[in-house]
Amino acid sequence: MEKKEISPICLDMIYLAACSFHGRLPERARIEEMDLHAVYKMAKRHSMQSIVYILVSKCVKEYGGEIIDTELLLRWKQDHHATLARLVSFDIEREQLLDFLDKNGIWYLCLKGILLQHYYPALGMRQMTDNDILVDRAGCRKIREYMTERGFEVYSYGTHCHDTYIKGGVAFEIHRTLAEDGGKTKDAFSYYENVKDKLLPGKRAAELQFCDEDFYIYYIFHAYKHYSIAGCGVRTLMDIYAFLSKKGDGLDKEYLNAELSALGLTEYERRSRELAFALFSADATEQSADILALDDELTQMLNYYLHSGTFGTKNQQIENSVSEISRGGDVTVFTKLLYLIRRVFPGMDYYRNSYPRASKFLVTIPFLWLIRIFRGIGKGKSVAKEVEHLKEIK
């Protein structure tokens, strides 16, 4: 595969984020060379505008306000303050929910950003979109009643591996399982089926927690799930660096290697870890040009992360699906036709996760087909864009 050069804007964003993480101030000339409008947009796309703003605001104090457009600085500051306000709201609502779970004896496990934010040097550096919490599935009905009483909208319930609740800018994903039963996560579903056996007592009454190794393994699994389906952004790499910079030396490497191998994640973890340290270590803040010295494999991987944005893109998901169907070979008309057939008539895994009750009875499947077709008709513009991108894939 041809090696693509990495955009200077992307390199500037990564460099500023690394400097912010390590509390190092770049030279004024380096800042003045940057297109900060473009850096802001790129950072926002990767949910990293706050960590970059913290560094930019320090540069303004040190070098003066003339290094950045006044309106841009104000907009960036407002974004950062909104991030801080959101994190406070998350904390308040999460504490209320955890108190409820403790009082009702519903065991729970906090996941991902709730814990990862504490591995960053300052509040707000690690932005969050939602609170991810695994709970005893037997308590999900009680949780739904509680969340609706608290004014949350039930965005989804009883389908896939988590229920989603939203109120204003606060969102919760209440997980019943850590992986779906089928597709790319089938092996992980078996691995995490009895996850409670892996958990340790937490500090609160009903709280459980992963050991550091299992926390990292789950994060890598979750990251790869997004990476392989629709992509994920550079913040994933920074999370890996932030965690390993604090915990890496004390981890049981033999256990990690064995478990990552069991999940088929050895290569993904290795390459992502190498890339994370190349981009965000203290050395990267001193000689940012070293980023350009990445080998072809890591350069391609970084471009994929950069192209994907925080949560991946629909186009990337289409391309990955087509590549999977063609097994990495040439994309033909038949390949695209097979993709469309699978989109209209997905496998049983889809129905089992999307309609867990109805899918138990085969007689319901034709009706579920009709539901899917009518929903597709209702999303005409979205479907048209998908077909248009499908045509462009070569």
Protein backbone atom coordinates (compact mmCIF):
# COMPACT_ATOMS: atom_id res chain seq x y z
CA MET A 1 0.00 0.00 0.00
CA GLU A 2 1.28 3.47 -0.89
CA LYS A 3 2.53 5.48 2.07
CA LYS A 4 0.50 8.68 2.47
CA GLU A 5 2.02 11.74 4.07
CA ILE A 6 0.41 12.90 7.29
CA SER A 7 -1.28 16.30 7.19
CA PRO A 8 0.74 19.08 8.87
CA ILE A 9 -2.48 20.19 10.61
CA CYS A 10 -2.80 16.75 12.19
CA LEU A 11 0.84 16.81 13.26
CA ASP A 12 0.36 20.23 14.85
CA MET A 13 -2.69 19.02 16.80
CA ILE A 14 -0.83 15.94 18.05
CA TYR A 15 2.24 17.98 18.96
CA LEU A 16 0.21 20.53 20.96
CA ALA A 17 -1.70 17.78 22.75
CA ALA A 18 1.56 16.06 23.71
CA CYS A 19 3.01 19.37 24.97
CA SER A 20 -0.15 19.98 26.99
CA PHE A 21 0.00 16.51 28.53
CA HIS A 22 3.61 17.00 29.62
CA GLY A 23 3.24 20.66 30.63
CA ARG A 24 5.81 21.87 28.11
CA LEU A 25 5.55 25.16 26.25
CA PRO A 26 6.43 25.13 22.53
CA GLU A 27 8.51 27.95 21.09
CA ARG A 28 6.61 31.01 19.97
CA ALA A 29 7.81 30.65 16.38
CA ARG A 30 6.42 27.10 16.28
CA ILE A 31 2.98 28.34 17.37
CA GLU A 32 2.97 31.26 14.96
CA GLU A 33 3.65 28.91 12.04
CA MET A 34 0.47 26.94 12.75
CA ASP A 35 -2.97 27.41 11.22
CA LEU A 36 -4.74 27.42 14.58
CA HIS A 37 -8.20 27.64 12.97
CA ALA A 38 -7.52 24.33 11.24
CA VAL A 39 -5.93 22.84 14.36
CA TYR A 40 -9.05 23.77 16.35
CA LYS A 41 -11.33 22.06 13.83
CA MET A 42 -9.15 18.95 13.77
CA ALA A 43 -8.96 18.81 17.57
CA LYS A 44 -12.73 19.13 17.81
CA ARG A 45 -13.14 16.28 15.35
CA HIS A 46 -11.10 14.07 17.67
CA SER A 47 -12.65 15.32 20.94
CA MET A 48 -9.28 16.79 21.94
CA GLN A 49 -10.02 20.51 21.78
CA SER A 50 -9.80 20.91 25.56
CA ILE A 51 -6.37 19.39 26.01
CA VAL A 52 -5.06 21.52 23.13
CA TYR A 53 -6.83 24.65 24.46
CA ILE A 54 -5.12 24.27 27.84
CA LEU A 55 -1.77 24.50 26.06
CA VAL A 56 -2.86 27.31 23.72
CA SER A 57 -4.14 29.39 26.66
CA LYS A 58 -0.73 29.02 28.36
CA CYS A 59 0.97 30.17 25.16
CA VAL A 60 -1.27 33.25 25.08
CA LYS A 61 -0.28 34.12 28.66
CA GLU A 62 3.40 33.63 27.84
CA TYR A 63 3.61 35.14 24.35
CA GLY A 64 0.64 37.50 24.16
CA GLY A 65 -2.81 37.40 22.54
CA GLU A 66 -1.52 38.33 19.09
CA ILE A 67 -0.50 34.73 18.41
CA ILE A 68 -4.15 33.72 17.90
CA ASP A 69 -7.30 35.25 16.44
CA THR A 70 -9.40 36.73 19.27
CA GLU A 71 -12.69 35.20 18.11
CA LEU A 72 -11.08 31.78 17.73
CA LEU A 73 -9.62 31.97 21.24
CA LEU A 74 -13.02 32.93 22.67
CA ARG A 75 -14.77 30.08 20.84
CA TRP A 76 -12.09 27.63 22.00
CA LYS A 77 -12.39 28.89 25.59
CA GLN A 78 -16.17 28.46 25.49
CA ASP A 79 -15.75 24.90 24.24
CA HIS A 80 -13.34 24.13 27.08
CA HIS A 81 -15.65 25.60 29.70
CA ALA A 82 -18.52 23.59 28.23
CA THR A 83 -16.37 20.47 28.60
CA LEU A 84 -15.70 21.28 32.25
CA ALA A 85 -19.38 21.95 32.91
CA ARG A 86 -20.33 18.68 31.22
CA LEU A 87 -17.84 16.72 33.33
CA VAL A 88 -19.27 18.27 36.51
CA SER A 89 -22.80 17.35 35.39
CA PHE A 90 -21.60 13.84 34.61
CA ASP A 91 -20.07 13.54 38.08
CA ILE A 92 -23.23 14.76 39.82
CA GLU A 93 -25.58 12.45 37.92
CA ARG A 94 -23.19 9.51 38.16
CA GLU A 95 -22.86 9.88 41.93
CA GLN A 96 -26.64 9.89 42.23
CA LEU A 97 -26.89 6.72 40.16
CA LEU A 98 -24.09 4.94 42.02
CA ASP A 99 -25.76 5.77 45.34
CA PHE A 100 -28.95 4.21 43.99
CA LEU A 101 -27.08 1.09 42.86
CA ASP A 102 -25.34 0.80 46.25
CA LYS A 103 -28.61 1.12 48.17
CA ASN A 104 -30.34 -1.44 45.97
CA GLY A 105 -27.50 -3.96 45.98
CA ILE A 106 -27.02 -3.86 42.20
CA TRP A 107 -23.36 -4.56 41.49
CA TYR A 108 -21.65 -2.32 38.95
CA LEU A 109 -18.35 -1.66 37.19
CA CYS A 110 -17.33 1.80 35.94
CA LEU A 111 -15.69 1.71 32.51
CA LYS A 112 -13.56 3.66 30.06
CA GLY A 113 -13.57 7.46 30.38
CA ILE A 114 -14.92 7.50 33.94
CA LEU A 115 -11.58 6.04 35.02
CA LEU A 116 -9.29 7.09 32.17
CA GLN A 117 -9.79 10.80 32.88
CA HIS A 118 -7.82 10.36 36.12
CA TYR A 119 -4.71 9.28 34.19
CA TYR A 120 -4.50 12.71 32.54
CA PRO A 121 -2.59 15.51 34.35
CA ALA A 122 -5.52 17.98 34.60
CA LEU A 123 -9.30 18.03 34.76
CA GLY A 124 -10.90 18.42 31.37
CA MET A 125 -7.97 17.11 29.34
CA ARG A 126 -9.85 13.88 28.70
CA GLN A 127 -13.27 14.73 27.28
CA MET A 128 -16.23 12.39 27.76
CA THR A 129 -19.37 11.79 25.74
CA ASP A 130 -21.16 9.47 28.14
CA ASN A 131 -20.87 7.47 31.35
CA ASP A 132 -20.25 3.77 30.64
CA ILE A 133 -21.19 1.44 33.50
CA LEU A 134 -21.59 -2.35 33.51
CA VAL A 135 -24.31 -3.54 35.87
CA ASP A 136 -25.98 -6.73 37.03
CA ARG A 137 -28.49 -7.26 34.24
CA ALA A 138 -31.08 -8.33 36.83
CA GLY A 139 -31.20 -4.70 37.96
CA CYS A 140 -31.77 -3.10 34.55
CA ARG A 141 -35.52 -2.68 35.00
CA LYS A 142 -35.04 -0.90 38.35
CA ILE A 143 -32.40 1.31 36.73
CA ARG A 144 -34.79 2.26 33.93
CA GLU A 145 -37.44 3.25 36.47
CA TYR A 146 -34.89 5.31 38.39
CA MET A 147 -33.52 7.05 35.28
CA THR A 148 -36.97 8.00 34.00
CA GLU A 149 -37.84 9.40 37.44
CA ARG A 150 -34.66 11.50 37.21
CA GLY A 151 -35.88 12.94 33.91
CA PHE A 152 -33.71 10.90 31.53
CA GLU A 153 -35.07 9.91 28.13
CA VAL A 154 -34.84 6.19 27.42
CA TYR A 155 -33.01 6.28 24.10
CA SER A 156 -32.69 2.49 23.91
CA TYR A 157 -33.52 -0.39 26.23
CA GLY A 158 -33.15 -4.16 26.06
CA THR A 159 -31.29 -4.29 22.75
CA HIS A 160 -27.63 -4.75 21.91
CA CYS A 161 -25.26 -4.78 24.88
CA HIS A 162 -26.29 -1.58 26.64
CA ASP A 163 -29.22 0.68 27.45
CA THR A 164 -28.88 4.39 26.71
CA TYR A 165 -30.28 7.27 28.77
CA ILE A 166 -29.98 10.96 27.90
CA LYS A 167 -30.88 14.17 29.73
CA GLY A 168 -29.63 17.42 28.28
CA GLY A 169 -25.91 17.00 27.71
CA VAL A 170 -25.58 14.02 30.07
CA ALA A 171 -25.69 10.48 28.68
CA PHE A 172 -25.35 7.06 30.26
CA GLU A 173 -24.65 3.74 28.60
CA ILE A 174 -25.71 1.07 31.07
CA HIS A 175 -24.08 -2.15 29.89
CA ARG A 176 -25.66 -5.54 30.50
CA THR A 177 -22.74 -7.27 28.80
CA LEU A 178 -19.35 -6.06 27.59
CA ALA A 179 -19.72 -7.50 24.08
CA GLU A 180 -22.50 -8.53 21.74
CA ASP A 181 -23.15 -12.17 20.95
CA GLY A 182 -22.13 -12.45 17.32
CA GLY A 183 -20.17 -10.84 14.52
CA LYS A 184 -16.70 -9.52 15.28
CA THR A 185 -17.32 -9.59 19.03
CA LYS A 186 -18.45 -13.21 19.27
CA ASP A 187 -15.17 -14.39 20.83
CA ALA A 188 -15.20 -11.43 23.22
CA PHE A 189 -18.77 -12.25 24.23
CA SER A 190 -17.63 -15.69 25.35
CA TYR A 191 -14.55 -14.21 27.02
CA TYR A 192 -16.64 -11.71 29.03
CA GLU A 193 -19.72 -13.89 29.55
CA ASN A 194 -18.80 -14.53 33.20
CA VAL A 195 -16.97 -11.26 33.69
CA LYS A 196 -17.95 -10.99 37.35
CA ASP A 197 -15.46 -13.80 38.08
CA LYS A 198 -12.68 -11.43 36.95
CA LEU A 199 -13.76 -8.50 39.13
CA LEU A 200 -12.44 -7.28 42.46
CA PRO A 201 -14.29 -5.46 45.26
CA GLY A 202 -14.37 -1.69 44.86
CA LYS A 203 -14.45 1.10 47.41
CA ARG A 204 -18.25 1.36 47.54
CA ALA A 205 -20.89 -1.08 48.70
CA ALA A 206 -21.88 -2.59 45.34
CA GLU A 207 -18.88 -1.46 43.30
CA LEU A 208 -16.62 -3.92 41.52
CA GLN A 209 -13.50 -3.13 39.54
CA PHE A 210 -11.03 -4.60 37.09
CA CYS A 211 -7.43 -5.16 38.03
CA ASP A 212 -5.18 -2.87 35.97
CA GLU A 213 -4.41 -5.61 33.44
CA ASP A 214 -8.06 -6.45 32.80
CA PHE A 215 -8.99 -2.77 32.58
CA TYR A 216 -6.39 -2.32 29.84
CA ILE A 217 -7.46 -5.49 28.02
CA TYR A 218 -11.07 -4.35 27.97
CA TYR A 219 -10.09 -0.90 26.72
CA ILE A 220 -8.05 -2.42 23.90
CA PHE A 221 -10.93 -4.73 22.97
CA HIS A 222 -13.41 -1.85 22.94
CA ALA A 223 -11.03 0.34 20.93
CA TYR A 224 -10.46 -2.41 18.37
CA LYS A 225 -14.19 -2.98 18.01
CA HIS A 226 -14.62 0.64 16.92
CA TYR A 227 -11.38 0.64 14.94
CA SER A 228 -12.35 -2.40 12.89
CA ILE A 229 -15.97 -1.41 12.25
CA ALA A 230 -16.01 2.34 11.50
CA GLY A 231 -12.71 3.62 12.85
CA CYS A 232 -11.82 5.65 15.94
CA GLY A 233 -9.74 8.72 16.57
CA VAL A 234 -6.39 9.81 17.94
CA ARG A 235 -7.85 10.21 21.43
CA THR A 236 -7.79 6.42 21.62
CA LEU A 237 -4.00 6.51 21.22
CA MET A 238 -3.69 9.21 23.84
CA ASP A 239 -5.78 7.12 26.25
CA ILE A 240 -3.39 4.21 25.71
CA TYR A 241 -0.39 6.45 26.37
CA ALA A 242 -1.98 8.10 29.42
CA PHE A 243 -2.80 4.75 31.04
CA LEU A 244 0.50 3.04 30.25
CA SER A 245 2.58 6.04 31.28
CA LYS A 246 1.12 5.63 34.78
CA LYS A 247 0.55 1.87 35.02
CA GLY A 248 2.70 0.25 32.34
CA ASP A 249 5.72 -0.69 34.46
CA GLY A 250 3.62 -2.53 37.03
CA LEU A 251 1.51 -4.60 34.65
CA ASP A 252 1.84 -8.38 34.45
CA LYS A 253 3.14 -8.65 30.87
CA GLU A 254 2.82 -12.43 30.72
CA TYR A 255 -0.85 -12.27 31.67
CA LEU A 256 -1.48 -9.39 29.28
CA ASN A 257 0.10 -11.19 26.35
CA ALA A 258 -1.84 -14.38 27.03
CA GLU A 259 -5.21 -12.63 27.31
CA LEU A 260 -4.67 -10.32 24.34
CA SER A 261 -3.69 -13.36 22.29
CA ALA A 262 -6.86 -15.17 23.37
CA LEU A 263 -8.90 -12.23 22.06
CA GLY A 264 -6.87 -11.93 18.84
CA LEU A 265 -5.70 -8.44 19.79
CA THR A 266 -1.93 -8.91 20.04
CA GLU A 267 -0.96 -7.09 16.84
CA TYR A 268 -3.49 -4.30 17.20
CA GLU A 269 -2.35 -3.61 20.76
CA ARG A 270 1.33 -3.70 19.82
CA ARG A 271 1.01 -1.32 16.89
CA SER A 272 -1.32 1.08 18.71
CA ARG A 273 0.96 1.13 21.75
CA GLU A 274 4.03 1.85 19.61
CA LEU A 275 2.16 4.61 17.81
CA ALA A 276 0.83 6.09 21.06
CA PHE A 277 4.32 6.39 22.54
CA ALA A 278 5.77 7.75 19.29
CA LEU A 279 3.18 10.53 19.28
CA PHE A 280 2.66 11.46 22.90
CA SER A 281 5.79 10.63 24.90
CA ALA A 282 7.92 13.43 26.36
CA ASP A 283 10.44 12.85 23.55
CA ALA A 284 7.78 13.76 20.97
CA THR A 285 7.48 17.25 22.49
CA GLU A 286 11.19 17.88 22.08
CA GLN A 287 11.58 16.57 18.53
CA SER A 288 8.15 16.64 16.94
CA ALA A 289 9.67 16.00 13.52
CA ASP A 290 10.32 12.44 14.67
CA ILE A 291 6.64 11.76 14.03
CA LEU A 292 7.49 11.90 10.34
CA ALA A 293 9.97 9.06 10.82
CA LEU A 294 7.22 6.48 11.46
CA ASP A 295 7.56 3.36 9.37
CA ASP A 296 5.01 2.64 6.63
CA GLU A 297 2.88 0.39 8.83
CA LEU A 298 2.50 2.96 11.61
CA THR A 299 2.06 5.85 9.16
CA GLN A 300 -0.86 4.05 7.52
CA MET A 301 -2.33 3.25 10.90
CA LEU A 302 -2.05 6.87 12.05
CA ASN A 303 -3.71 8.11 8.87
CA TYR A 304 -6.55 5.67 9.50
CA TYR A 305 -7.01 7.01 13.04
CA LEU A 306 -6.88 10.60 11.79
CA HIS A 307 -9.33 9.95 8.97
CA SER A 308 -11.82 8.31 11.33
CA GLY A 309 -12.47 11.06 13.88
CA THR A 310 -13.49 10.25 17.46
CA PHE A 311 -16.20 7.72 16.72
CA GLY A 312 -15.45 6.68 13.16
CA THR A 313 -17.41 7.53 10.02
CA LYS A 314 -20.17 5.91 8.03
CA ASN A 315 -17.97 5.91 4.93
CA GLN A 316 -15.20 4.12 6.81
CA GLN A 317 -17.71 1.55 8.02
CA ILE A 318 -18.84 0.93 4.43
CA GLU A 319 -15.24 0.56 3.23
CA ASN A 320 -14.38 -1.84 6.04
CA SER A 321 -17.44 -3.97 5.34
CA VAL A 322 -16.67 -4.13 1.62
CA SER A 323 -13.05 -5.02 2.36
CA GLU A 324 -14.20 -7.80 4.66
CA ILE A 325 -16.51 -9.22 1.98
CA SER A 326 -13.75 -9.09 -0.65
CA ARG A 327 -11.24 -10.43 1.92
CA GLY A 328 -8.91 -7.57 1.04
CA GLY A 329 -8.94 -8.40 -2.65
CA ASP A 330 -10.39 -6.60 -5.65
CA VAL A 331 -13.79 -4.95 -5.14
CA THR A 332 -16.13 -6.12 -7.88
CA VAL A 333 -19.76 -5.46 -8.79
CA PHE A 334 -20.59 -8.77 -7.09
CA THR A 335 -18.83 -7.58 -3.92
CA LYS A 336 -20.97 -4.44 -3.83
CA LEU A 337 -24.14 -6.39 -4.57
CA LEU A 338 -23.38 -8.78 -1.73
CA TYR A 339 -22.82 -5.79 0.55
CA LEU A 340 -26.26 -4.39 -0.32
CA ILE A 341 -27.92 -7.77 0.23
CA ARG A 342 -26.32 -8.03 3.67
CA ARG A 343 -27.46 -4.52 4.52
CA VAL A 344 -31.07 -5.33 3.67
CA PHE A 345 -31.02 -8.88 5.03
CA PRO A 346 -28.40 -9.06 7.80
CA GLY A 347 -27.51 -12.29 9.58
CA MET A 348 -29.21 -13.67 12.65
CA ASP A 349 -26.68 -11.95 14.92
CA TYR A 350 -28.27 -8.63 14.03
CA TYR A 351 -31.78 -9.76 14.88
CA ARG A 352 -30.66 -11.50 18.06
CA ASN A 353 -29.10 -8.27 19.33
CA SER A 354 -31.62 -5.77 17.90
CA TYR A 355 -34.80 -7.77 18.59
CA PRO A 356 -33.81 -10.23 21.34
CA ARG A 357 -37.33 -11.43 22.07
CA ALA A 358 -38.83 -11.53 18.59
CA SER A 359 -35.77 -13.22 17.04
CA LYS A 360 -36.31 -16.30 19.20
CA PHE A 361 -39.14 -17.23 16.85
CA LEU A 362 -38.12 -17.79 13.22
CA VAL A 363 -41.62 -16.93 12.02
CA THR A 364 -40.99 -13.30 12.99
CA ILE A 365 -37.92 -12.84 10.76
CA PRO A 366 -39.87 -11.90 7.54
CA PHE A 367 -41.72 -9.24 9.54
CA LEU A 368 -38.42 -7.93 10.86
CA TRP A 369 -37.20 -7.75 7.26
CA LEU A 370 -40.19 -5.56 6.41
CA ILE A 371 -39.53 -3.30 9.39
CA ARG A 372 -35.93 -2.89 8.26
CA ILE A 373 -36.94 -2.14 4.67
CA PHE A 374 -39.54 0.47 5.70
CA ARG A 375 -37.05 2.12 8.04
CA GLY A 376 -34.59 2.26 5.15
CA ILE A 377 -37.19 3.97 2.97
CA GLY A 378 -37.72 6.51 5.74
CA LYS A 379 -34.01 7.29 5.68
CA GLY A 380 -33.89 7.92 1.94
CA LYS A 381 -31.16 10.58 1.96
CA SER A 382 -28.92 8.54 4.23
CA VAL A 383 -29.38 5.42 2.10
CA ALA A 384 -28.67 7.40 -1.08
CA LYS A 385 -25.39 8.69 0.41
CA GLU A 386 -24.41 5.16 1.38
CA VAL A 387 -25.07 3.82 -2.12
CA GLU A 388 -23.20 6.76 -3.65
CA HIS A 389 -20.12 6.07 -1.54
CA LEU A 390 -20.39 2.38 -2.32
CA LYS A 391 -20.16 3.22 -6.03
CA GLU A 392 -16.95 5.18 -5.44
CA ILE A 393 -15.11 2.31 -3.73
CA LYS A 394 -12.55 0.63 -5.98
